[in-house]
Amino acid sequence: TLMARAFRAAGVLKAGWTPETAADWILALTHIDLWQHLVVEAGWKPAVHVDRIVATLHETLLDTQER
């Protein structure tokens, strides 16, 4: 929740997200079950998994367009 609150305080949390819902989304995408499925079971490389999660979080949560 602290990270999501910091996003809001910085003015970069996209419209439609609250710090609470953003924190839920961050937790869901970084949960060990997702790692287990993609890296262990599906054979993704760990670095690829991390890169995709970071990109997804950035794209869905952050409004970083020039203002």
Protein backbone atom coordinates (compact mmCIF):
# COMPACT_ATOMS: atom_id res chain seq x y z
CA THR A 1 0.00 0.00 0.00
CA LEU A 2 2.89 2.36 0.67
CA MET A 3 4.06 2.14 -2.93
CA ALA A 4 0.56 2.79 -4.26
CA ARG A 5 0.14 5.74 -1.91
CA ALA A 6 3.45 7.13 -3.14
CA PHE A 7 2.23 6.81 -6.73
CA ARG A 8 -0.89 8.79 -5.82
CA ALA A 9 1.11 11.40 -3.91
CA ALA A 10 3.38 11.83 -6.93
CA GLY A 11 0.33 12.28 -9.15
CA VAL A 12 1.11 9.29 -11.36
CA LEU A 13 -1.54 6.78 -10.27
CA LYS A 14 -3.92 6.36 -13.22
CA ALA A 15 -7.53 7.45 -12.90
CA GLY A 16 -9.80 4.67 -11.72
CA TRP A 17 -7.27 3.27 -9.26
CA THR A 18 -7.19 3.91 -5.54
CA PRO A 19 -4.11 3.15 -3.49
CA GLU A 20 -5.99 0.18 -2.04
CA THR A 21 -7.01 -1.34 -5.38
CA ALA A 22 -3.56 -0.64 -6.82
CA ALA A 23 -1.97 -2.40 -3.84
CA ASP A 24 -4.27 -5.38 -4.42
CA TRP A 25 -3.21 -5.48 -8.08
CA ILE A 26 0.48 -5.27 -7.19
CA LEU A 27 0.08 -8.14 -4.73
CA ALA A 28 -1.80 -10.26 -7.26
CA LEU A 29 0.85 -9.82 -9.95
CA THR A 30 3.75 -10.45 -7.58
CA HIS A 31 2.19 -13.40 -5.75
CA ILE A 32 4.31 -16.53 -5.56
CA ASP A 33 1.58 -18.56 -7.31
CA LEU A 34 2.10 -16.56 -10.51
CA TRP A 35 5.87 -17.16 -10.27
CA GLN A 36 5.25 -20.86 -9.68
CA HIS A 37 3.00 -21.12 -12.70
CA LEU A 38 5.06 -19.12 -15.18
CA VAL A 39 8.65 -19.83 -14.12
CA VAL A 40 8.46 -23.30 -12.63
CA GLU A 41 5.62 -24.88 -14.58
CA ALA A 42 5.66 -23.00 -17.89
CA GLY A 43 9.43 -22.58 -18.09
CA TRP A 44 9.67 -18.81 -18.30
CA LYS A 45 13.09 -17.39 -17.50
CA PRO A 46 13.02 -15.53 -14.18
CA ALA A 47 14.31 -12.30 -15.73
CA VAL A 48 11.59 -12.40 -18.39
CA HIS A 49 8.93 -12.92 -15.72
CA VAL A 50 10.19 -9.94 -13.72
CA ASP A 51 10.43 -7.73 -16.81
CA ARG A 52 6.85 -8.60 -17.86
CA ILE A 53 5.45 -7.99 -14.38
CA VAL A 54 7.19 -4.62 -14.09
CA ALA A 55 6.00 -3.60 -17.56
CA THR A 56 2.44 -4.69 -16.80
CA LEU A 57 2.35 -2.80 -13.51
CA HIS A 58 3.77 0.29 -15.18
CA GLU A 59 1.28 0.17 -18.06
CA THR A 60 -1.79 -0.50 -15.93
CA LEU A 61 -1.14 1.69 -12.90
CA LEU A 62 1.00 4.64 -13.91
CA ASP A 63 0.10 7.72 -15.88
CA THR A 64 3.53 8.91 -16.90
CA GLN A 65 2.58 10.86 -20.01
CA GLU A 66 4.02 14.32 -20.41
CA ARG A 67 1.81 16.91 -18.77
